[in-house]
Amino acid sequence: MSKGLNLHTGDGIIARDPGLGILLAYGSTVPSGVGYAPGCRFIKTNGTTLATVDYINVGTISAASFVVAGTSGQVVATCLYGEATPLDSAFFVSSRAYQIQSIIARPLVVGADGGAVTAEIRKAGSGTAAASGTIVHTGTIDLKGTVNTNQTITLHGTAANLLLASGDALVLDVTGTTTSARGIVSVLLLPV
């Protein structure tokens, strides 16, 4: 289905969808504020390298938050869970800035414990315990969910929660007794 698209208005906006907001813009100052669609690209005309020219809005249309767009490929951080006693621990330590793109969990064996077994993925700076980290999604991951069935986890609505700084860790924070529960959690990261 096609719909109208406003192209280059002469004020730094190259493309705007009347229903979604600004999709592509340029200028000498990275914008903030309202009107920029999530995923909007911004070209900084006075940047000197790829890392200072290309930006992407990881915020919302009502509160833009532009970060440097990735200069290399995506990374998948993977956590295999399955200890009889839950082990809240880091499974990835960032060597650069990343933005979380998606989280998918897949139970492989359902645990024998009668209670619920859930987990949260959190980001934690150096010296921060797993349970004290910042949650990066809504709800919880069901570690005793249907075997071999993917759980696509909804990302947190606050853009800052999805940004990892160099040195931040991704941690699995488990609630309940895992017993024989086994599975995998994958977090897709985009360099920013």
N, C-alpha and C. Protein backbone atom coordinates (compact mmCIF):
# COMPACT_ATOMS: atom_id res chain seq x y z
N MET A 1 0.84 -1.15 0.00
CA MET A 1 0.00 0.00 0.00
C MET A 1 0.90 1.23 0.00
N SER A 2 0.62 2.16 -0.88
CA SER A 2 1.41 3.38 -0.91
C SER A 2 0.64 4.52 -0.26
N LYS A 3 1.41 5.51 0.23
CA LYS A 3 0.79 6.69 0.81
C LYS A 3 1.73 7.86 0.59
N GLY A 4 1.22 9.06 0.82
CA GLY A 4 1.98 10.26 0.58
C GLY A 4 3.21 10.37 1.45
N LEU A 5 4.28 10.92 0.89
CA LEU A 5 5.52 11.15 1.61
C LEU A 5 6.01 12.54 1.21
N ASN A 6 6.29 13.37 2.21
CA ASN A 6 6.79 14.70 1.93
C ASN A 6 8.30 14.64 1.81
N LEU A 7 8.83 15.08 0.66
CA LEU A 7 10.26 15.05 0.42
C LEU A 7 10.85 16.45 0.52
N HIS A 8 12.04 16.57 0.97
CA HIS A 8 12.88 17.75 1.18
C HIS A 8 12.10 19.07 1.22
N THR A 9 11.98 19.59 2.41
CA THR A 9 11.26 20.84 2.63
C THR A 9 12.20 22.04 2.72
N GLY A 10 13.49 21.85 2.60
CA GLY A 10 14.44 22.94 2.64
C GLY A 10 14.87 23.34 4.04
N ASP A 11 14.35 22.68 5.06
CA ASP A 11 14.70 23.02 6.45
C ASP A 11 15.48 21.90 7.14
N GLY A 12 16.10 21.04 6.36
CA GLY A 12 16.88 19.96 6.93
C GLY A 12 16.11 18.65 7.00
N ILE A 13 14.85 18.66 6.64
CA ILE A 13 14.05 17.44 6.65
C ILE A 13 13.98 16.93 5.22
N ILE A 14 14.52 15.74 5.01
CA ILE A 14 14.54 15.16 3.67
C ILE A 14 13.26 14.38 3.41
N ALA A 15 12.79 13.61 4.39
CA ALA A 15 11.57 12.82 4.20
C ALA A 15 10.77 12.79 5.49
N ARG A 16 9.46 13.00 5.35
CA ARG A 16 8.55 12.96 6.49
C ARG A 16 7.30 12.20 6.05
N ASP A 17 6.90 11.24 6.87
CA ASP A 17 5.63 10.54 6.68
C ASP A 17 4.61 11.24 7.56
N PRO A 18 3.52 11.74 7.00
CA PRO A 18 2.55 12.48 7.80
C PRO A 18 2.03 11.70 9.02
N GLY A 19 2.02 10.39 8.94
CA GLY A 19 1.52 9.60 10.06
C GLY A 19 2.58 9.12 11.03
N LEU A 20 3.84 9.03 10.57
CA LEU A 20 4.91 8.47 11.39
C LEU A 20 5.89 9.52 11.91
N GLY A 21 6.05 10.63 11.20
CA GLY A 21 7.00 11.64 11.59
C GLY A 21 8.16 11.72 10.62
N ILE A 22 9.22 12.41 11.04
CA ILE A 22 10.40 12.61 10.21
C ILE A 22 11.17 11.30 10.10
N LEU A 23 11.48 10.91 8.86
CA LEU A 23 12.17 9.65 8.60
C LEU A 23 13.65 9.85 8.27
N LEU A 24 13.99 11.01 7.67
CA LEU A 24 15.36 11.29 7.26
C LEU A 24 15.58 12.80 7.32
N ALA A 25 16.68 13.22 7.97
CA ALA A 25 16.97 14.64 8.11
C ALA A 25 18.48 14.86 8.09
N TYR A 26 18.87 16.15 7.98
CA TYR A 26 20.29 16.49 8.00
C TYR A 26 20.47 17.85 8.65
N GLY A 27 21.72 18.14 9.03
CA GLY A 27 22.04 19.43 9.63
C GLY A 27 23.36 19.34 10.37
N SER A 28 23.77 20.44 11.00
CA SER A 28 25.05 20.47 11.69
C SER A 28 24.94 20.12 13.18
N THR A 29 23.72 20.05 13.71
CA THR A 29 23.51 19.71 15.12
C THR A 29 22.54 18.53 15.21
N VAL A 30 22.93 17.49 15.93
CA VAL A 30 22.06 16.32 16.11
C VAL A 30 20.82 16.77 16.88
N PRO A 31 19.63 16.50 16.34
CA PRO A 31 18.41 17.01 16.96
C PRO A 31 17.96 16.22 18.19
N SER A 32 17.06 16.83 18.92
CA SER A 32 16.34 16.17 20.01
C SER A 32 14.92 16.74 19.95
N GLY A 33 14.06 16.27 20.79
CA GLY A 33 12.71 16.83 20.81
C GLY A 33 11.70 15.93 20.14
N VAL A 34 10.67 16.53 19.59
CA VAL A 34 9.53 15.78 19.07
C VAL A 34 9.52 15.77 17.54
N GLY A 35 8.80 14.80 16.99
CA GLY A 35 8.56 14.74 15.56
C GLY A 35 9.42 13.77 14.79
N TYR A 36 10.46 13.21 15.40
CA TYR A 36 11.36 12.28 14.71
C TYR A 36 10.90 10.85 14.97
N ALA A 37 10.58 10.13 13.91
CA ALA A 37 10.10 8.76 14.03
C ALA A 37 11.19 7.86 14.62
N PRO A 38 10.81 6.84 15.40
CA PRO A 38 11.80 5.85 15.82
C PRO A 38 12.47 5.26 14.57
N GLY A 39 13.79 5.19 14.57
CA GLY A 39 14.53 4.70 13.41
C GLY A 39 14.91 5.79 12.42
N CYS A 40 14.47 7.03 12.67
CA CYS A 40 14.83 8.15 11.80
C CYS A 40 16.35 8.25 11.69
N ARG A 41 16.83 8.45 10.47
CA ARG A 41 18.27 8.65 10.25
C ARG A 41 18.55 10.14 10.17
N PHE A 42 19.68 10.55 10.77
CA PHE A 42 20.10 11.94 10.72
C PHE A 42 21.53 11.98 10.20
N ILE A 43 21.79 12.82 9.20
CA ILE A 43 23.12 12.99 8.63
C ILE A 43 23.68 14.29 9.18
N LYS A 44 24.75 14.19 9.95
CA LYS A 44 25.39 15.38 10.53
C LYS A 44 26.39 15.91 9.50
N THR A 45 26.06 17.06 8.93
CA THR A 45 26.81 17.56 7.78
C THR A 45 28.21 18.04 8.11
N ASN A 46 28.51 18.31 9.38
CA ASN A 46 29.86 18.73 9.73
C ASN A 46 30.64 17.63 10.44
N GLY A 47 30.15 16.38 10.38
CA GLY A 47 30.89 15.26 10.93
C GLY A 47 32.10 14.96 10.07
N THR A 48 33.10 14.33 10.64
CA THR A 48 34.33 14.08 9.91
C THR A 48 34.61 12.61 9.64
N THR A 49 33.92 11.69 10.34
CA THR A 49 34.09 10.26 10.11
C THR A 49 32.72 9.61 10.14
N LEU A 50 32.64 8.36 9.74
CA LEU A 50 31.36 7.66 9.77
C LEU A 50 30.77 7.67 11.17
N ALA A 51 31.62 7.60 12.18
CA ALA A 51 31.14 7.58 13.56
C ALA A 51 30.64 8.95 14.03
N THR A 52 30.82 10.00 13.22
CA THR A 52 30.32 11.33 13.61
C THR A 52 29.40 11.92 12.54
N VAL A 53 28.95 11.11 11.61
CA VAL A 53 28.09 11.58 10.53
C VAL A 53 26.70 10.95 10.58
N ASP A 54 26.60 9.67 10.83
CA ASP A 54 25.37 8.91 10.69
C ASP A 54 24.76 8.61 12.06
N TYR A 55 23.53 9.08 12.29
CA TYR A 55 22.85 8.90 13.57
C TYR A 55 21.48 8.27 13.34
N ILE A 56 20.98 7.60 14.38
CA ILE A 56 19.66 6.97 14.32
C ILE A 56 18.90 7.26 15.60
N ASN A 57 17.58 7.51 15.46
CA ASN A 57 16.73 7.79 16.63
C ASN A 57 16.33 6.47 17.30
N VAL A 58 16.80 6.27 18.52
CA VAL A 58 16.40 5.08 19.29
C VAL A 58 15.33 5.46 20.32
N GLY A 59 14.88 6.70 20.26
CA GLY A 59 13.83 7.17 21.16
C GLY A 59 12.47 7.02 20.52
N THR A 60 11.55 7.88 20.90
CA THR A 60 10.18 7.85 20.40
C THR A 60 9.90 9.11 19.61
N ILE A 61 8.73 9.19 18.99
CA ILE A 61 8.36 10.38 18.23
C ILE A 61 8.18 11.58 19.17
N SER A 62 7.85 11.32 20.42
CA SER A 62 7.65 12.42 21.37
C SER A 62 8.93 12.78 22.14
N ALA A 63 9.95 11.95 22.06
CA ALA A 63 11.22 12.23 22.75
C ALA A 63 12.35 11.55 21.99
N ALA A 64 12.88 12.25 20.99
CA ALA A 64 13.95 11.69 20.16
C ALA A 64 15.22 11.49 20.99
N SER A 65 15.94 10.43 20.67
CA SER A 65 17.22 10.14 21.31
C SER A 65 18.13 9.56 20.23
N PHE A 66 18.91 10.43 19.59
CA PHE A 66 19.77 10.00 18.50
C PHE A 66 21.10 9.48 19.03
N VAL A 67 21.53 8.33 18.48
CA VAL A 67 22.82 7.75 18.80
C VAL A 67 23.55 7.48 17.49
N VAL A 68 24.87 7.37 17.56
CA VAL A 68 25.66 7.07 16.37
C VAL A 68 25.22 5.72 15.82
N ALA A 69 24.96 5.68 14.53
CA ALA A 69 24.56 4.42 13.89
C ALA A 69 25.75 3.48 13.85
N GLY A 70 25.48 2.20 13.80
CA GLY A 70 26.54 1.19 13.82
C GLY A 70 27.49 1.31 12.65
N THR A 71 28.75 1.06 12.91
CA THR A 71 29.77 1.07 11.86
C THR A 71 30.24 -0.34 11.53
N SER A 72 29.72 -1.32 12.24
CA SER A 72 30.05 -2.71 11.93
C SER A 72 28.83 -3.56 12.22
N GLY A 73 28.95 -4.84 12.07
CA GLY A 73 27.82 -5.73 12.18
C GLY A 73 27.26 -5.90 13.58
N GLN A 74 26.10 -6.53 13.61
CA GLN A 74 25.42 -6.80 14.88
C GLN A 74 26.11 -7.95 15.60
N VAL A 75 25.87 -8.01 16.92
CA VAL A 75 26.44 -9.05 17.78
C VAL A 75 25.29 -9.74 18.50
N VAL A 76 25.39 -11.06 18.65
CA VAL A 76 24.40 -11.80 19.43
C VAL A 76 25.07 -12.28 20.71
N ALA A 77 24.57 -11.79 21.84
CA ALA A 77 25.06 -12.24 23.15
C ALA A 77 24.15 -13.38 23.59
N THR A 78 24.73 -14.52 23.93
CA THR A 78 23.95 -15.72 24.23
C THR A 78 24.20 -16.20 25.65
N CYS A 79 23.12 -16.55 26.33
CA CYS A 79 23.19 -17.09 27.69
C CYS A 79 22.53 -18.46 27.72
N LEU A 80 23.27 -19.47 28.13
CA LEU A 80 22.71 -20.80 28.35
C LEU A 80 22.43 -20.93 29.84
N TYR A 81 21.18 -21.24 30.20
CA TYR A 81 20.86 -21.40 31.62
C TYR A 81 20.58 -22.86 31.90
N GLY A 82 20.77 -23.25 33.17
CA GLY A 82 20.50 -24.63 33.50
C GLY A 82 21.11 -25.12 34.78
N GLU A 83 21.54 -24.24 35.67
CA GLU A 83 22.06 -24.69 36.96
C GLU A 83 20.90 -25.08 37.87
N ALA A 84 21.08 -26.11 38.69
CA ALA A 84 20.03 -26.52 39.64
C ALA A 84 19.72 -25.40 40.62
N THR A 85 20.74 -24.68 41.03
CA THR A 85 20.56 -23.51 41.87
C THR A 85 20.75 -22.30 40.98
N PRO A 86 19.76 -21.39 40.92
CA PRO A 86 19.89 -20.24 40.01
C PRO A 86 21.19 -19.47 40.26
N LEU A 87 21.84 -19.16 39.20
CA LEU A 87 23.09 -18.43 39.26
C LEU A 87 22.88 -17.10 38.53
N ASP A 88 22.68 -16.04 39.30
CA ASP A 88 22.51 -14.71 38.71
C ASP A 88 23.89 -14.20 38.33
N SER A 89 24.15 -14.14 37.03
CA SER A 89 25.50 -13.78 36.61
C SER A 89 25.52 -13.12 35.24
N ALA A 90 26.64 -12.51 34.96
CA ALA A 90 26.85 -11.86 33.67
C ALA A 90 27.13 -12.92 32.60
N PHE A 91 26.64 -12.64 31.38
CA PHE A 91 26.95 -13.53 30.26
C PHE A 91 27.55 -12.76 29.09
N PHE A 92 27.66 -11.44 29.21
CA PHE A 92 28.28 -10.63 28.17
C PHE A 92 28.79 -9.35 28.81
N VAL A 93 30.03 -8.96 28.47
CA VAL A 93 30.58 -7.67 28.92
C VAL A 93 30.93 -6.89 27.66
N SER A 94 30.37 -5.69 27.57
CA SER A 94 30.51 -4.86 26.38
C SER A 94 31.89 -4.20 26.31
N SER A 95 32.48 -4.26 25.13
CA SER A 95 33.77 -3.60 24.90
C SER A 95 33.58 -2.25 24.20
N ARG A 96 32.34 -1.92 23.90
CA ARG A 96 31.99 -0.66 23.23
C ARG A 96 30.52 -0.38 23.47
N ALA A 97 30.00 0.70 22.93
CA ALA A 97 28.59 1.03 23.10
C ALA A 97 27.73 0.20 22.14
N TYR A 98 26.63 -0.31 22.67
CA TYR A 98 25.66 -1.08 21.88
C TYR A 98 24.25 -0.65 22.23
N GLN A 99 23.33 -0.91 21.31
CA GLN A 99 21.91 -0.76 21.59
C GLN A 99 21.27 -2.14 21.44
N ILE A 100 20.45 -2.53 22.42
CA ILE A 100 19.75 -3.81 22.37
C ILE A 100 18.65 -3.72 21.33
N GLN A 101 18.62 -4.70 20.42
CA GLN A 101 17.64 -4.74 19.34
C GLN A 101 16.51 -5.72 19.60
N SER A 102 16.83 -6.84 20.22
CA SER A 102 15.79 -7.85 20.49
C SER A 102 16.30 -8.86 21.52
N ILE A 103 15.34 -9.53 22.15
CA ILE A 103 15.65 -10.60 23.10
C ILE A 103 14.72 -11.76 22.78
N ILE A 104 15.31 -12.95 22.61
CA ILE A 104 14.52 -14.17 22.37
C ILE A 104 15.00 -15.24 23.33
N ALA A 105 14.05 -15.87 24.01
CA ALA A 105 14.35 -16.98 24.92
C ALA A 105 13.72 -18.25 24.38
N ARG A 106 14.36 -19.39 24.69
CA ARG A 106 13.83 -20.68 24.24
C ARG A 106 14.12 -21.75 25.28
N PRO A 107 13.10 -22.17 26.04
CA PRO A 107 13.29 -23.28 26.98
C PRO A 107 13.55 -24.57 26.21
N LEU A 108 14.51 -25.36 26.71
CA LEU A 108 14.84 -26.64 26.09
C LEU A 108 14.40 -27.82 26.95
N VAL A 109 14.42 -27.63 28.27
CA VAL A 109 13.95 -28.65 29.22
C VAL A 109 13.19 -27.91 30.32
N VAL A 110 11.99 -28.39 30.64
CA VAL A 110 11.20 -27.77 31.70
C VAL A 110 11.67 -28.33 33.05
N GLY A 111 11.88 -27.47 34.01
CA GLY A 111 12.33 -27.90 35.34
C GLY A 111 11.26 -28.66 36.09
N ALA A 112 11.69 -29.43 37.09
CA ALA A 112 10.79 -30.27 37.88
C ALA A 112 10.18 -29.55 39.07
N ASP A 113 10.73 -28.40 39.45
CA ASP A 113 10.21 -27.67 40.61
C ASP A 113 8.79 -27.21 40.32
N GLY A 114 7.93 -27.28 41.33
CA GLY A 114 6.52 -26.93 41.16
C GLY A 114 6.25 -25.44 41.02
N GLY A 115 7.17 -24.60 41.44
CA GLY A 115 6.96 -23.15 41.39
C GLY A 115 7.37 -22.53 40.07
N ALA A 116 6.98 -21.29 39.90
CA ALA A 116 7.37 -20.54 38.70
C ALA A 116 8.87 -20.28 38.71
N VAL A 117 9.46 -20.27 37.54
CA VAL A 117 10.87 -19.94 37.38
C VAL A 117 10.94 -18.91 36.25
N THR A 118 11.33 -17.71 36.63
CA THR A 118 11.38 -16.63 35.66
C THR A 118 12.74 -15.96 35.70
N ALA A 119 12.99 -15.11 34.71
CA ALA A 119 14.26 -14.38 34.67
C ALA A 119 14.03 -13.03 34.03
N GLU A 120 14.97 -12.15 34.32
CA GLU A 120 15.02 -10.84 33.69
C GLU A 120 16.43 -10.64 33.17
N ILE A 121 16.54 -9.97 32.03
CA ILE A 121 17.84 -9.56 31.51
C ILE A 121 18.03 -8.13 31.99
N ARG A 122 19.16 -7.88 32.61
CA ARG A 122 19.48 -6.55 33.12
C ARG A 122 20.84 -6.13 32.58
N LYS A 123 21.06 -4.81 32.53
CA LYS A 123 22.41 -4.32 32.23
C LYS A 123 22.97 -3.82 33.55
N ALA A 124 24.24 -4.11 33.77
CA ALA A 124 24.88 -3.74 35.03
C ALA A 124 26.28 -3.23 34.76
N GLY A 125 26.57 -2.06 35.30
CA GLY A 125 27.92 -1.51 35.18
C GLY A 125 28.89 -2.29 36.05
N SER A 126 30.17 -2.07 35.87
CA SER A 126 31.19 -2.73 36.68
C SER A 126 30.94 -2.45 38.16
N GLY A 127 30.97 -3.50 38.98
CA GLY A 127 30.74 -3.36 40.41
C GLY A 127 29.28 -3.42 40.82
N THR A 128 28.36 -3.61 39.85
CA THR A 128 26.93 -3.67 40.14
C THR A 128 26.45 -5.11 40.12
N ALA A 129 25.76 -5.53 41.18
CA ALA A 129 25.23 -6.90 41.25
C ALA A 129 24.10 -7.08 40.22
N ALA A 130 23.89 -8.33 39.80
CA ALA A 130 22.86 -8.64 38.80
C ALA A 130 21.50 -8.07 39.19
N ALA A 131 21.07 -8.32 40.41
CA ALA A 131 19.74 -7.89 40.84
C ALA A 131 19.60 -6.38 40.93
N SER A 132 20.72 -5.68 40.98
CA SER A 132 20.69 -4.21 41.07
C SER A 132 20.83 -3.54 39.72
N GLY A 133 20.98 -4.31 38.66
CA GLY A 133 21.12 -3.74 37.33
C GLY A 133 19.81 -3.16 36.82
N THR A 134 19.86 -2.57 35.66
CA THR A 134 18.70 -1.93 35.02
C THR A 134 18.04 -2.92 34.09
N ILE A 135 16.75 -3.17 34.29
CA ILE A 135 16.03 -4.12 33.44
C ILE A 135 15.90 -3.56 32.02
N VAL A 136 16.04 -4.42 31.02
CA VAL A 136 16.05 -3.97 29.63
C VAL A 136 14.79 -4.39 28.86
N HIS A 137 13.83 -4.97 29.55
CA HIS A 137 12.59 -5.40 28.89
C HIS A 137 11.43 -5.29 29.85
N THR A 138 10.23 -5.52 29.34
CA THR A 138 9.04 -5.55 30.19
C THR A 138 8.73 -7.00 30.53
N GLY A 139 7.99 -7.23 31.62
CA GLY A 139 7.63 -8.59 32.00
C GLY A 139 8.83 -9.43 32.38
N THR A 140 8.64 -10.74 32.33
CA THR A 140 9.72 -11.67 32.67
C THR A 140 9.81 -12.75 31.60
N ILE A 141 10.91 -13.47 31.61
CA ILE A 141 11.12 -14.61 30.73
C ILE A 141 10.68 -15.85 31.51
N ASP A 142 9.85 -16.69 30.91
CA ASP A 142 9.37 -17.91 31.55
C ASP A 142 10.36 -19.04 31.25
N LEU A 143 11.22 -19.34 32.23
CA LEU A 143 12.24 -20.37 32.02
C LEU A 143 11.65 -21.78 32.00
N LYS A 144 10.38 -21.91 32.39
CA LYS A 144 9.70 -23.20 32.33
C LYS A 144 8.58 -23.16 31.29
N GLY A 145 8.76 -22.32 30.28
CA GLY A 145 7.77 -22.20 29.21
C GLY A 145 7.75 -23.44 28.33
N THR A 146 6.96 -23.41 27.28
CA THR A 146 6.82 -24.53 26.36
C THR A 146 8.17 -24.85 25.71
N VAL A 147 8.56 -26.12 25.80
CA VAL A 147 9.85 -26.57 25.27
C VAL A 147 9.94 -26.29 23.77
N ASN A 148 11.13 -25.82 23.34
CA ASN A 148 11.45 -25.55 21.94
C ASN A 148 10.55 -24.49 21.30
N THR A 149 9.95 -23.63 22.12
CA THR A 149 9.09 -22.56 21.62
C THR A 149 9.71 -21.22 21.98
N ASN A 150 9.96 -20.40 20.97
CA ASN A 150 10.59 -19.10 21.20
C ASN A 150 9.65 -18.17 21.97
N GLN A 151 10.25 -17.39 22.87
CA GLN A 151 9.56 -16.30 23.56
C GLN A 151 10.24 -15.01 23.11
N THR A 152 9.53 -14.21 22.34
CA THR A 152 10.06 -12.91 21.93
C THR A 152 9.71 -11.92 23.03
N ILE A 153 10.71 -11.38 23.65
CA ILE A 153 10.54 -10.53 24.82
C ILE A 153 10.42 -9.06 24.39
N THR A 154 9.44 -8.36 24.96
CA THR A 154 9.21 -6.95 24.62
C THR A 154 10.27 -6.08 25.29
N LEU A 155 10.95 -5.27 24.49
CA LEU A 155 11.99 -4.40 25.01
C LEU A 155 11.40 -3.27 25.84
N HIS A 156 12.19 -2.77 26.78
CA HIS A 156 11.78 -1.67 27.65
C HIS A 156 11.48 -0.44 26.80
N GLY A 157 10.49 0.34 27.21
CA GLY A 157 10.10 1.52 26.46
C GLY A 157 11.01 2.72 26.63
N THR A 158 11.92 2.67 27.59
CA THR A 158 12.85 3.78 27.81
C THR A 158 14.14 3.50 27.04
N ALA A 159 14.44 4.38 26.08
CA ALA A 159 15.59 4.16 25.19
C ALA A 159 16.89 3.98 25.97
N ALA A 160 17.07 4.73 27.04
CA ALA A 160 18.33 4.65 27.82
C ALA A 160 18.53 3.27 28.41
N ASN A 161 17.46 2.55 28.71
CA ASN A 161 17.58 1.20 29.27
C ASN A 161 18.17 0.23 28.26
N LEU A 162 18.09 0.56 26.99
CA LEU A 162 18.54 -0.35 25.93
C LEU A 162 19.96 -0.05 25.46
N LEU A 163 20.58 0.98 26.02
CA LEU A 163 21.93 1.36 25.60
C LEU A 163 22.96 0.82 26.58
N LEU A 164 23.94 0.09 26.05
CA LEU A 164 25.06 -0.41 26.84
C LEU A 164 26.26 0.47 26.59
N ALA A 165 26.92 0.89 27.64
CA ALA A 165 28.18 1.60 27.52
C ALA A 165 29.31 0.58 27.58
N SER A 166 30.48 0.96 27.13
CA SER A 166 31.63 0.09 27.26
C SER A 166 31.82 -0.27 28.73
N GLY A 167 31.95 -1.56 29.02
CA GLY A 167 32.12 -2.04 30.39
C GLY A 167 30.84 -2.52 31.04
N ASP A 168 29.67 -2.18 30.46
CA ASP A 168 28.42 -2.70 30.99
C ASP A 168 28.31 -4.20 30.70
N ALA A 169 27.66 -4.91 31.60
CA ALA A 169 27.44 -6.34 31.40
C ALA A 169 25.95 -6.60 31.20
N LEU A 170 25.62 -7.64 30.44
CA LEU A 170 24.26 -8.17 30.41
C LEU A 170 24.25 -9.32 31.40
N VAL A 171 23.22 -9.35 32.26
CA VAL A 171 23.13 -10.38 33.29
C VAL A 171 21.77 -11.05 33.25
N LEU A 172 21.75 -12.30 33.64
CA LEU A 172 20.51 -13.06 33.79
C LEU A 172 20.19 -13.10 35.28
N ASP A 173 19.05 -12.52 35.65
CA ASP A 173 18.61 -12.45 37.05
C ASP A 173 17.42 -13.40 37.20
N VAL A 174 17.64 -14.54 37.87
CA VAL A 174 16.64 -15.62 37.96
C VAL A 174 15.87 -15.55 39.28
N THR A 175 14.56 -15.81 39.19
CA THR A 175 13.70 -15.94 40.36
C THR A 175 13.07 -17.33 40.33
N GLY A 176 13.16 -18.06 41.43
CA GLY A 176 12.62 -19.43 41.50
C GLY A 176 13.74 -20.45 41.50
N THR A 177 13.36 -21.72 41.54
CA THR A 177 14.32 -22.83 41.56
C THR A 177 14.33 -23.50 40.20
N THR A 178 15.44 -23.44 39.53
CA THR A 178 15.50 -23.95 38.16
C THR A 178 15.49 -25.47 38.07
N THR A 179 15.92 -26.18 39.10
CA THR A 179 16.11 -27.65 39.07
C THR A 179 16.69 -28.05 37.72
N SER A 180 15.94 -28.81 36.92
CA SER A 180 16.49 -29.30 35.65
C SER A 180 16.15 -28.41 34.46
N ALA A 181 15.56 -27.23 34.70
CA ALA A 181 15.22 -26.33 33.59
C ALA A 181 16.48 -25.93 32.83
N ARG A 182 16.41 -26.03 31.51
CA ARG A 182 17.52 -25.67 30.65
C ARG A 182 16.99 -24.86 29.49
N GLY A 183 17.83 -23.96 28.97
CA GLY A 183 17.41 -23.19 27.81
C GLY A 183 18.45 -22.18 27.38
N ILE A 184 18.06 -21.33 26.47
CA ILE A 184 18.96 -20.35 25.89
C ILE A 184 18.24 -19.01 25.76
N VAL A 185 18.98 -17.94 25.97
CA VAL A 185 18.47 -16.58 25.77
C VAL A 185 19.47 -15.89 24.85
N SER A 186 18.97 -15.26 23.78
CA SER A 186 19.82 -14.53 22.85
C SER A 186 19.42 -13.07 22.84
N VAL A 187 20.42 -12.19 22.91
CA VAL A 187 20.19 -10.75 22.88
C VAL A 187 20.93 -10.19 21.67
N LEU A 188 20.19 -9.59 20.74
CA LEU A 188 20.79 -9.01 19.55
C LEU A 188 21.20 -7.58 19.85
N LEU A 189 22.47 -7.24 19.56
CA LEU A 189 23.03 -5.93 19.86
C LEU A 189 23.51 -5.24 18.59
N LEU A 190 23.25 -3.94 18.51
CA LEU A 190 23.72 -3.13 17.39
C LEU A 190 24.76 -2.15 17.90
N PRO A 191 25.95 -2.13 17.30
CA PRO A 191 26.95 -1.13 17.72
C PRO A 191 26.41 0.27 17.45
N VAL A 192 26.65 1.16 18.41
CA VAL A 192 26.23 2.57 18.22
C VAL A 192 27.41 3.48 18.48
